[in-house]
Amino acid sequence: MRVAGKFDARLLPAPFAAIALVVVGGANDLGKVRADRLDVEFSLGSLMRGEWRATELTINGMALDLGLDAKGRIDWPCLDRNVQSGIAGRSTG
């Protein structure tokens, strides 16, 4: 994940992070996800227990680019190739 814009965070009254211009996927990846702004409010109780749990998530200006690899599978920047092979090999029905 690359953040090209501002990052703002606060702890009180509720843990909150606002991230601008977020890109998941590299410059040479066929598939990538972009967002103009990502706002996340976290559960304070969960954070106190060492857990990252979002109570509210807002994504503005989202774009999803999908590409195909040499085998015709979706080239997804966050998907491990072993997981992708497992998904492609499943039958539905």
PDB file of N, CA and C in Angstrom:
ATOM      1  N   MET A   1       0.846  -1.167   0.000  1.00  0.00           N
ATOM      2  CA  MET A   1       0.000   0.000   0.000  1.00  0.00           C
ATOM      3  C   MET A   1       0.895   1.234   0.000  1.00  0.00           C
ATOM      4  N   ARG A   2       0.535   2.181  -0.818  1.00  0.00           N
ATOM      5  CA  ARG A   2       1.272   3.447  -0.891  1.00  0.00           C
ATOM      6  C   ARG A   2       0.311   4.589  -0.585  1.00  0.00           C
ATOM      7  N   VAL A   3       0.752   5.511   0.257  1.00  0.00           N
ATOM      8  CA  VAL A   3      -0.034   6.693   0.592  1.00  0.00           C
ATOM      9  C   VAL A   3       0.672   7.894  -0.018  1.00  0.00           C
ATOM     10  N   ALA A   4      -0.005   8.584  -0.931  1.00  0.00           N
ATOM     11  CA  ALA A   4       0.604   9.728  -1.615  1.00  0.00           C
ATOM     12  C   ALA A   4       0.090  11.056  -1.071  1.00  0.00           C
ATOM     13  N   GLY A   5      -0.888  11.008  -0.190  1.00  0.00           N
ATOM     14  CA  GLY A   5      -1.474  12.240   0.348  1.00  0.00           C
ATOM     15  C   GLY A   5      -1.257  12.353   1.839  1.00  0.00           C
ATOM     16  N   LYS A   6      -2.092  13.149   2.469  1.00  0.00           N
ATOM     17  CA  LYS A   6      -1.991  13.415   3.902  1.00  0.00           C
ATOM     18  C   LYS A   6      -2.484  12.226   4.723  1.00  0.00           C
ATOM     19  N   PHE A   7      -1.906  12.109   5.916  1.00  0.00           N
ATOM     20  CA  PHE A   7      -2.334  11.115   6.893  1.00  0.00           C
ATOM     21  C   PHE A   7      -2.658  11.865   8.176  1.00  0.00           C
ATOM     22  N   ASP A   8      -3.867  11.681   8.682  1.00  0.00           N
ATOM     23  CA  ASP A   8      -4.294  12.348   9.903  1.00  0.00           C
ATOM     24  C   ASP A   8      -4.825  11.285  10.854  1.00  0.00           C
ATOM     25  N   ALA A   9      -4.462  11.378  12.126  1.00  0.00           N
ATOM     26  CA  ALA A   9      -4.928  10.398  13.103  1.00  0.00           C
ATOM     27  C   ALA A   9      -5.197  11.086  14.436  1.00  0.00           C
ATOM     28  N   ARG A  10      -6.104  10.482  15.199  1.00  0.00           N
ATOM     29  CA  ARG A  10      -6.369  10.953  16.558  1.00  0.00           C
ATOM     30  C   ARG A  10      -6.725   9.744  17.405  1.00  0.00           C
ATOM     31  N   LEU A  11      -6.555   9.878  18.709  1.00  0.00           N
ATOM     32  CA  LEU A  11      -6.869   8.790  19.624  1.00  0.00           C
ATOM     33  C   LEU A  11      -8.187   9.011  20.359  1.00  0.00           C
ATOM     34  N   LEU A  12      -8.490  10.263  20.694  1.00  0.00           N
ATOM     35  CA  LEU A  12      -9.710  10.564  21.440  1.00  0.00           C
ATOM     36  C   LEU A  12     -10.556  11.592  20.702  1.00  0.00           C
ATOM     37  N   PRO A  13     -11.863  11.571  20.769  1.00  0.00           N
ATOM     38  CA  PRO A  13     -12.689  10.730  21.618  1.00  0.00           C
ATOM     39  C   PRO A  13     -12.811   9.294  21.102  1.00  0.00           C
ATOM     40  N   ALA A  14     -12.549   9.066  19.832  1.00  0.00           N
ATOM     41  CA  ALA A  14     -12.527   7.708  19.279  1.00  0.00           C
ATOM     42  C   ALA A  14     -11.321   7.619  18.356  1.00  0.00           C
ATOM     43  N   PRO A  15     -10.594   6.497  18.387  1.00  0.00           N
ATOM     44  CA  PRO A  15      -9.445   6.343  17.487  1.00  0.00           C
ATOM     45  C   PRO A  15      -9.891   6.455  16.032  1.00  0.00           C
ATOM     46  N   PHE A  16      -9.200   7.270  15.279  1.00  0.00           N
ATOM     47  CA  PHE A  16      -9.621   7.602  13.911  1.00  0.00           C
ATOM     48  C   PHE A  16      -8.388   7.844  13.052  1.00  0.00           C
ATOM     49  N   ALA A  17      -8.443   7.394  11.810  1.00  0.00           N
ATOM     50  CA  ALA A  17      -7.381   7.674  10.847  1.00  0.00           C
ATOM     51  C   ALA A  17      -8.022   8.090   9.531  1.00  0.00           C
ATOM     52  N   ALA A  18      -7.464   9.124   8.913  1.00  0.00           N
ATOM     53  CA  ALA A  18      -7.906   9.583   7.599  1.00  0.00           C
ATOM     54  C   ALA A  18      -6.676   9.590   6.693  1.00  0.00           C
ATOM     55  N   ILE A  19      -6.781   8.888   5.585  1.00  0.00           N
ATOM     56  CA  ILE A  19      -5.659   8.748   4.663  1.00  0.00           C
ATOM     57  C   ILE A  19      -6.125   9.211   3.288  1.00  0.00           C
ATOM     58  N   ALA A  20      -5.321  10.051   2.638  1.00  0.00           N
ATOM     59  CA  ALA A  20      -5.673  10.560   1.312  1.00  0.00           C
ATOM     60  C   ALA A  20      -4.762   9.939   0.256  1.00  0.00           C
ATOM     61  N   LEU A  21      -5.311   9.701  -0.914  1.00  0.00           N
ATOM     62  CA  LEU A  21      -4.594   9.178  -2.075  1.00  0.00           C
ATOM     63  C   LEU A  21      -3.877   7.872  -1.759  1.00  0.00           C
ATOM     64  N   VAL A  22      -4.672   6.820  -1.585  1.00  0.00           N
ATOM     65  CA  VAL A  22      -4.173   5.495  -1.251  1.00  0.00           C
ATOM     66  C   VAL A  22      -4.160   4.628  -2.503  1.00  0.00           C
ATOM     67  N   VAL A  23      -3.057   3.892  -2.722  1.00  0.00           N
ATOM     68  CA  VAL A  23      -2.957   2.960  -3.845  1.00  0.00           C
ATOM     69  C   VAL A  23      -2.458   1.621  -3.312  1.00  0.00           C
ATOM     70  N   VAL A  24      -3.187   0.549  -3.623  1.00  0.00           N
ATOM     71  CA  VAL A  24      -2.750  -0.804  -3.300  1.00  0.00           C
ATOM     72  C   VAL A  24      -2.382  -1.458  -4.617  1.00  0.00           C
ATOM     73  N   GLY A  25      -1.121  -1.850  -4.744  1.00  0.00           N
ATOM     74  CA  GLY A  25      -0.600  -2.414  -5.981  1.00  0.00           C
ATOM     75  C   GLY A  25       0.533  -1.548  -6.489  1.00  0.00           C
ATOM     76  N   GLY A  26       1.497  -2.174  -7.120  1.00  0.00           N
ATOM     77  CA  GLY A  26       2.664  -1.464  -7.618  1.00  0.00           C
ATOM     78  C   GLY A  26       2.421  -0.792  -8.956  1.00  0.00           C
ATOM     79  N   ALA A  27       3.381   0.020  -9.362  1.00  0.00           N
ATOM     80  CA  ALA A  27       3.270   0.762 -10.616  1.00  0.00           C
ATOM     81  C   ALA A  27       3.153  -0.172 -11.815  1.00  0.00           C
ATOM     82  N   ASN A  28       3.768  -1.350 -11.737  1.00  0.00           N
ATOM     83  CA  ASN A  28       3.740  -2.289 -12.864  1.00  0.00           C
ATOM     84  C   ASN A  28       2.669  -3.367 -12.734  1.00  0.00           C
ATOM     85  N   ASP A  29       1.881  -3.324 -11.664  1.00  0.00           N
ATOM     86  CA  ASP A  29       0.808  -4.305 -11.486  1.00  0.00           C
ATOM     87  C   ASP A  29      -0.355  -3.976 -12.408  1.00  0.00           C
ATOM     88  N   LEU A  30      -0.903  -5.015 -13.026  1.00  0.00           N
ATOM     89  CA  LEU A  30      -2.077  -4.806 -13.872  1.00  0.00           C
ATOM     90  C   LEU A  30      -3.304  -4.482 -13.038  1.00  0.00           C
ATOM     91  N   GLY A  31      -3.406  -5.115 -11.889  1.00  0.00           N
ATOM     92  CA  GLY A  31      -4.532  -4.870 -10.998  1.00  0.00           C
ATOM     93  C   GLY A  31      -4.116  -3.982  -9.842  1.00  0.00           C
ATOM     94  N   LYS A  32      -4.932  -3.004  -9.538  1.00  0.00           N
ATOM     95  CA  LYS A  32      -4.670  -2.151  -8.380  1.00  0.00           C
ATOM     96  C   LYS A  32      -5.965  -1.515  -7.904  1.00  0.00           C
ATOM     97  N   VAL A  33      -5.944  -1.087  -6.662  1.00  0.00           N
ATOM     98  CA  VAL A  33      -7.088  -0.413  -6.046  1.00  0.00           C
ATOM     99  C   VAL A  33      -6.614   0.961  -5.613  1.00  0.00           C
ATOM    100  N   ARG A  34      -7.405   1.982  -5.939  1.00  0.00           N
ATOM    101  CA  ARG A  34      -7.073   3.353  -5.553  1.00  0.00           C
ATOM    102  C   ARG A  34      -8.265   3.969  -4.835  1.00  0.00           C
ATOM    103  N   ALA A  35      -7.948   4.871  -3.911  1.00  0.00           N
ATOM    104  CA  ALA A  35      -9.003   5.632  -3.228  1.00  0.00           C
ATOM    105  C   ALA A  35      -8.503   7.046  -3.007  1.00  0.00           C
ATOM    106  N   ASP A  36      -9.392   8.011  -3.242  1.00  0.00           N
ATOM    107  CA  ASP A  36      -9.045   9.407  -2.965  1.00  0.00           C
ATOM    108  C   ASP A  36      -8.919   9.639  -1.470  1.00  0.00           C
ATOM    109  N   ARG A  37      -9.775   8.962  -0.698  1.00  0.00           N
ATOM    110  CA  ARG A  37      -9.752   9.151   0.753  1.00  0.00           C
ATOM    111  C   ARG A  37     -10.283   7.894   1.436  1.00  0.00           C
ATOM    112  N   LEU A  38      -9.612   7.528   2.516  1.00  0.00           N
ATOM    113  CA  LEU A  38     -10.004   6.388   3.330  1.00  0.00           C
ATOM    114  C   LEU A  38     -10.080   6.861   4.778  1.00  0.00           C
ATOM    115  N   ASP A  39     -11.260   6.768   5.378  1.00  0.00           N
ATOM    116  CA  ASP A  39     -11.468   7.147   6.780  1.00  0.00           C
ATOM    117  C   ASP A  39     -11.814   5.889   7.570  1.00  0.00           C
ATOM    118  N   VAL A  40     -11.132   5.687   8.687  1.00  0.00           N
ATOM    119  CA  VAL A  40     -11.373   4.516   9.525  1.00  0.00           C
ATOM    120  C   VAL A  40     -11.512   4.960  10.976  1.00  0.00           C
ATOM    121  N   GLU A  41     -12.613   4.562  11.605  1.00  0.00           N
ATOM    122  CA  GLU A  41     -12.782   4.757  13.039  1.00  0.00           C
ATOM    123  C   GLU A  41     -12.635   3.390  13.690  1.00  0.00           C
ATOM    124  N   PHE A  42     -11.764   3.309  14.684  1.00  0.00           N
ATOM    125  CA  PHE A  42     -11.472   2.045  15.337  1.00  0.00           C
ATOM    126  C   PHE A  42     -12.198   1.933  16.664  1.00  0.00           C
ATOM    127  N   SER A  43     -12.422   0.700  17.092  1.00  0.00           N
ATOM    128  CA  SER A  43     -13.012   0.428  18.394  1.00  0.00           C
ATOM    129  C   SER A  43     -11.935   0.606  19.460  1.00  0.00           C
ATOM    130  N   LEU A  44     -12.154   1.527  20.384  1.00  0.00           N
ATOM    131  CA  LEU A  44     -11.180   1.785  21.444  1.00  0.00           C
ATOM    132  C   LEU A  44     -10.991   0.555  22.322  1.00  0.00           C
ATOM    133  N   GLY A  45     -12.085  -0.120  22.669  1.00  0.00           N
ATOM    134  CA  GLY A  45     -11.992  -1.324  23.496  1.00  0.00           C
ATOM    135  C   GLY A  45     -11.155  -2.406  22.832  1.00  0.00           C
ATOM    136  N   SER A  46     -11.343  -2.604  21.537  1.00  0.00           N
ATOM    137  CA  SER A  46     -10.563  -3.608  20.805  1.00  0.00           C
ATOM    138  C   SER A  46      -9.091  -3.235  20.770  1.00  0.00           C
ATOM    139  N   LEU A  47      -8.804  -1.947  20.555  1.00  0.00           N
ATOM    140  CA  LEU A  47      -7.404  -1.512  20.542  1.00  0.00           C
ATOM    141  C   LEU A  47      -6.741  -1.760  21.900  1.00  0.00           C
ATOM    142  N   MET A  48      -7.487  -1.567  22.983  1.00  0.00           N
ATOM    143  CA  MET A  48      -6.949  -1.798  24.325  1.00  0.00           C
ATOM    144  C   MET A  48      -6.603  -3.280  24.533  1.00  0.00           C
ATOM    145  N   ARG A  49      -7.283  -4.162  23.781  1.00  0.00           N
ATOM    146  CA  ARG A  49      -6.996  -5.593  23.856  1.00  0.00           C
ATOM    147  C   ARG A  49      -5.977  -6.026  22.807  1.00  0.00           C
ATOM    148  N   GLY A  50      -5.456  -5.060  22.043  1.00  0.00           N
ATOM    149  CA  GLY A  50      -4.449  -5.379  21.024  1.00  0.00           C
ATOM    150  C   GLY A  50      -5.037  -5.817  19.696  1.00  0.00           C
ATOM    151  N   GLU A  51      -6.319  -5.569  19.475  1.00  0.00           N
ATOM    152  CA  GLU A  51      -6.994  -5.948  18.237  1.00  0.00           C
ATOM    153  C   GLU A  51      -7.264  -4.709  17.391  1.00  0.00           C
ATOM    154  N   TRP A  52      -7.145  -4.841  16.086  1.00  0.00           N
ATOM    155  CA  TRP A  52      -7.482  -3.763  15.154  1.00  0.00           C
ATOM    156  C   TRP A  52      -8.866  -4.066  14.600  1.00  0.00           C
ATOM    157  N   ARG A  53      -9.878  -3.352  15.087  1.00  0.00           N
ATOM    158  CA  ARG A  53     -11.249  -3.577  14.637  1.00  0.00           C
ATOM    159  C   ARG A  53     -11.874  -2.240  14.264  1.00  0.00           C
ATOM    160  N   ALA A  54     -12.289  -2.121  13.016  1.00  0.00           N
ATOM    161  CA  ALA A  54     -12.918  -0.883  12.551  1.00  0.00           C
ATOM    162  C   ALA A  54     -14.400  -0.904  12.899  1.00  0.00           C
ATOM    163  N   THR A  55     -14.893   0.198  13.466  1.00  0.00           N
ATOM    164  CA  THR A  55     -16.323   0.322  13.726  1.00  0.00           C
ATOM    165  C   THR A  55     -17.003   1.073  12.586  1.00  0.00           C
ATOM    166  N   GLU A  56     -16.224   1.857  11.848  1.00  0.00           N
ATOM    167  CA  GLU A  56     -16.756   2.581  10.697  1.00  0.00           C
ATOM    168  C   GLU A  56     -15.647   2.741   9.668  1.00  0.00           C
ATOM    169  N   LEU A  57     -15.976   2.485   8.419  1.00  0.00           N
ATOM    170  CA  LEU A  57     -15.012   2.599   7.324  1.00  0.00           C
ATOM    171  C   LEU A  57     -15.696   3.321   6.169  1.00  0.00           C
ATOM    172  N   THR A  58     -15.065   4.386   5.686  1.00  0.00           N
ATOM    173  CA  THR A  58     -15.603   5.144   4.559  1.00  0.00           C
ATOM    174  C   THR A  58     -14.523   5.252   3.490  1.00  0.00           C
ATOM    175  N   ILE A  59     -14.879   4.879   2.265  1.00  0.00           N
ATOM    176  CA  ILE A  59     -13.959   4.976   1.131  1.00  0.00           C
ATOM    177  C   ILE A  59     -14.593   5.908   0.111  1.00  0.00           C
ATOM    178  N   ASN A  60     -13.891   6.976  -0.244  1.00  0.00           N
ATOM    179  CA  ASN A  60     -14.370   7.929  -1.240  1.00  0.00           C
ATOM    180  C   ASN A  60     -13.464   7.890  -2.464  1.00  0.00           C
ATOM    181  N   GLY A  61     -14.069   7.976  -3.642  1.00  0.00           N
ATOM    182  CA  GLY A  61     -13.305   8.022  -4.889  1.00  0.00           C
ATOM    183  C   GLY A  61     -12.560   6.733  -5.170  1.00  0.00           C
ATOM    184  N   MET A  62     -13.203   5.599  -4.952  1.00  0.00           N
ATOM    185  CA  MET A  62     -12.538   4.308  -5.159  1.00  0.00           C
ATOM    186  C   MET A  62     -12.534   3.918  -6.630  1.00  0.00           C
ATOM    187  N   ALA A  63     -11.397   3.380  -7.074  1.00  0.00           N
ATOM    188  CA  ALA A  63     -11.269   2.848  -8.432  1.00  0.00           C
ATOM    189  C   ALA A  63     -10.601   1.489  -8.337  1.00  0.00           C
ATOM    190  N   LEU A  64     -11.115   0.536  -9.087  1.00  0.00           N
ATOM    191  CA  LEU A  64     -10.578  -0.814  -9.102  1.00  0.00           C
ATOM    192  C   LEU A  64     -10.163  -1.147 -10.526  1.00  0.00           C
ATOM    193  N   ASP A  65      -8.875  -1.389 -10.723  1.00  0.00           N
ATOM    194  CA  ASP A  65      -8.356  -1.789 -12.037  1.00  0.00           C
ATOM    195  C   ASP A  65      -8.050  -3.272 -11.983  1.00  0.00           C
ATOM    196  N   LEU A  66      -8.619  -4.033 -12.895  1.00  0.00           N
ATOM    197  CA  LEU A  66      -8.349  -5.458 -12.956  1.00  0.00           C
ATOM    198  C   LEU A  66      -7.618  -5.777 -14.246  1.00  0.00           C
ATOM    199  N   GLY A  67      -6.631  -6.608 -14.148  1.00  0.00           N
ATOM    200  CA  GLY A  67      -5.902  -7.076 -15.318  1.00  0.00           C
ATOM    201  C   GLY A  67      -5.827  -8.589 -15.273  1.00  0.00           C
ATOM    202  N   LEU A  68      -5.416  -9.194 -16.359  1.00  0.00           N
ATOM    203  CA  LEU A  68      -5.275 -10.642 -16.426  1.00  0.00           C
ATOM    204  C   LEU A  68      -3.806 -10.998 -16.582  1.00  0.00           C
ATOM    205  N   ASP A  69      -3.386 -12.061 -15.878  1.00  0.00           N
ATOM    206  CA  ASP A  69      -2.006 -12.513 -16.020  1.00  0.00           C
ATOM    207  C   ASP A  69      -1.889 -13.386 -17.266  1.00  0.00           C
ATOM    208  N   ALA A  70      -0.734 -13.959 -17.486  1.00  0.00           N
ATOM    209  CA  ALA A  70      -0.468 -14.751 -18.693  1.00  0.00           C
ATOM    210  C   ALA A  70      -1.362 -15.985 -18.789  1.00  0.00           C
ATOM    211  N   LYS A  71      -1.886 -16.471 -17.654  1.00  0.00           N
ATOM    212  CA  LYS A  71      -2.766 -17.643 -17.657  1.00  0.00           C
ATOM    213  C   LYS A  71      -4.236 -17.268 -17.707  1.00  0.00           C
ATOM    214  N   GLY A  72      -4.531 -15.982 -17.847  1.00  0.00           N
ATOM    215  CA  GLY A  72      -5.911 -15.533 -17.939  1.00  0.00           C
ATOM    216  C   GLY A  72      -6.601 -15.376 -16.603  1.00  0.00           C
ATOM    217  N   ARG A  73      -5.841 -15.397 -15.497  1.00  0.00           N
ATOM    218  CA  ARG A  73      -6.409 -15.206 -14.170  1.00  0.00           C
ATOM    219  C   ARG A  73      -6.338 -13.730 -13.802  1.00  0.00           C
ATOM    220  N   ILE A  74      -7.213 -13.327 -12.912  1.00  0.00           N
ATOM    221  CA  ILE A  74      -7.203 -11.936 -12.458  1.00  0.00           C
ATOM    222  C   ILE A  74      -5.898 -11.658 -11.730  1.00  0.00           C
ATOM    223  N   ASP A  75      -5.231 -10.594 -12.111  1.00  0.00           N
ATOM    224  CA  ASP A  75      -3.998 -10.151 -11.469  1.00  0.00           C
ATOM    225  C   ASP A  75      -4.382  -9.172 -10.375  1.00  0.00           C
ATOM    226  N   TRP A  76      -4.509  -9.684  -9.149  1.00  0.00           N
ATOM    227  CA  TRP A  76      -4.986  -8.914  -8.012  1.00  0.00           C
ATOM    228  C   TRP A  76      -3.806  -8.620  -7.105  1.00  0.00           C
ATOM    229  N   PRO A  77      -3.515  -7.351  -6.802  1.00  0.00           N
ATOM    230  CA  PRO A  77      -2.292  -7.009  -6.072  1.00  0.00           C
ATOM    231  C   PRO A  77      -2.202  -7.581  -4.666  1.00  0.00           C
ATOM    232  N   CYS A  78      -3.321  -7.869  -4.023  1.00  0.00           N
ATOM    233  CA  CYS A  78      -3.302  -8.336  -2.632  1.00  0.00           C
ATOM    234  C   CYS A  78      -3.444  -9.843  -2.520  1.00  0.00           C
ATOM    235  N   LEU A  79      -3.627 -10.532  -3.610  1.00  0.00           N
ATOM    236  CA  LEU A  79      -3.934 -11.947  -3.554  1.00  0.00           C
ATOM    237  C   LEU A  79      -2.675 -12.778  -3.734  1.00  0.00           C
ATOM    238  N   ASP A  80      -2.360 -13.577  -2.736  1.00  0.00           N
ATOM    239  CA  ASP A  80      -1.227 -14.485  -2.794  1.00  0.00           C
ATOM    240  C   ASP A  80      -1.452 -15.481  -3.936  1.00  0.00           C
ATOM    241  N   ARG A  81      -0.413 -15.795  -4.679  1.00  0.00           N
ATOM    242  CA  ARG A  81      -0.540 -16.703  -5.829  1.00  0.00           C
ATOM    243  C   ARG A  81      -1.047 -18.076  -5.413  1.00  0.00           C
ATOM    244  N   ASN A  82      -0.676 -18.581  -4.219  1.00  0.00           N
ATOM    245  CA  ASN A  82      -1.172 -19.883  -3.759  1.00  0.00           C
ATOM    246  C   ASN A  82      -2.665 -19.820  -3.498  1.00  0.00           C
ATOM    247  N   VAL A  83      -3.125 -18.734  -2.912  1.00  0.00           N
ATOM    248  CA  VAL A  83      -4.553 -18.557  -2.671  1.00  0.00           C
ATOM    249  C   VAL A  83      -5.284 -18.438  -3.995  1.00  0.00           C
ATOM    250  N   GLN A  84      -4.697 -17.664  -4.928  1.00  0.00           N
ATOM    251  CA  GLN A  84      -5.325 -17.474  -6.229  1.00  0.00           C
ATOM    252  C   GLN A  84      -5.484 -18.808  -6.949  1.00  0.00           C
ATOM    253  N   SER A  85      -4.470 -19.673  -6.879  1.00  0.00           N
ATOM    254  CA  SER A  85      -4.551 -20.984  -7.521  1.00  0.00           C
ATOM    255  C   SER A  85      -5.671 -21.805  -6.912  1.00  0.00           C
ATOM    256  N   GLY A  86      -5.826 -21.727  -5.576  1.00  0.00           N
ATOM    257  CA  GLY A  86      -6.885 -22.444  -4.908  1.00  0.00           C
ATOM    258  C   GLY A  86      -8.254 -21.960  -5.315  1.00  0.00           C
ATOM    259  N   ILE A  87      -8.415 -20.655  -5.465  1.00  0.00           N
ATOM    260  CA  ILE A  87      -9.693 -20.091  -5.881  1.00  0.00           C
ATOM    261  C   ILE A  87     -10.016 -20.504  -7.313  1.00  0.00           C
ATOM    262  N   ALA A  88      -9.016 -20.430  -8.193  1.00  0.00           N
ATOM    263  CA  ALA A  88      -9.231 -20.762  -9.609  1.00  0.00           C
ATOM    264  C   ALA A  88      -9.564 -22.237  -9.769  1.00  0.00           C
ATOM    265  N   GLY A  89      -9.052 -23.094  -8.858  1.00  0.00           N
ATOM    266  CA  GLY A  89      -9.264 -24.530  -8.974  1.00  0.00           C
ATOM    267  C   GLY A  89     -10.567 -25.024  -8.389  1.00  0.00           C
ATOM    268  N   ARG A  90     -11.309 -24.173  -7.685  1.00  0.00           N
ATOM    269  CA  ARG A  90     -12.573 -24.592  -7.064  1.00  0.00           C
ATOM    270  C   ARG A  90     -13.673 -24.683  -8.104  1.00  0.00           C
ATOM    271  N   SER A  91     -14.545 -25.648  -7.895  1.00  0.00           N
ATOM    272  CA  SER A  91     -15.726 -25.741  -8.763  1.00  0.00           C
ATOM    273  C   SER A  91     -16.919 -25.278  -7.953  1.00  0.00           C
ATOM    274  N   THR A  92     -17.833 -24.641  -8.615  1.00  0.00           N
ATOM    275  CA  THR A  92     -19.062 -24.206  -7.951  1.00  0.00           C
ATOM    276  C   THR A  92     -20.213 -24.992  -8.528  1.00  0.00           C
ATOM    277  N   GLY A  93     -20.860 -25.773  -7.735  1.00  0.00           N
ATOM    278  CA  GLY A  93     -22.012 -26.477  -8.254  1.00  0.00           C
ATOM    279  C   GLY A  93     -22.090 -27.800  -7.705  1.00  0.00           C
TER     280      GLY A  93
END
